[in-house]
Amino acid sequence: MSRLKQALHNDLQALELLRDECVLQAHLFQADARSKLQELEQRWNELKAQIQRAQTVAVGAESEIETATGLLMDSLKAGYADLRRVLKP
């Protein structure tokens, strides 16, 4: 699981940087961007909780956890990228 763990760690760090940028920019923009950010923040918290659970789950469930986590990460990446495009001047 070390490759999976490292890949998740790297993806999580990249996603966190994108998230932080969007948080800063959204603070300055309109309510609809803030609404989108709130939705993404809820999913961000779900992702963090899912990764926390994954660290304690038996090895046999790795595949299911990897799939679910990957889908959530992809969804968040797309959401933050969309928000970033909206917030760019």
Foldseek 3Di string as FASTA:
>chain_A
DVVLVVVVVVLLVVLVVLLVVLVVLLVPDDDVLVVLNVVLVVLVVVLVVLVVVVVVDDPVCVVVSSVVSVVSSVVSVVSSVVSVVVSDD
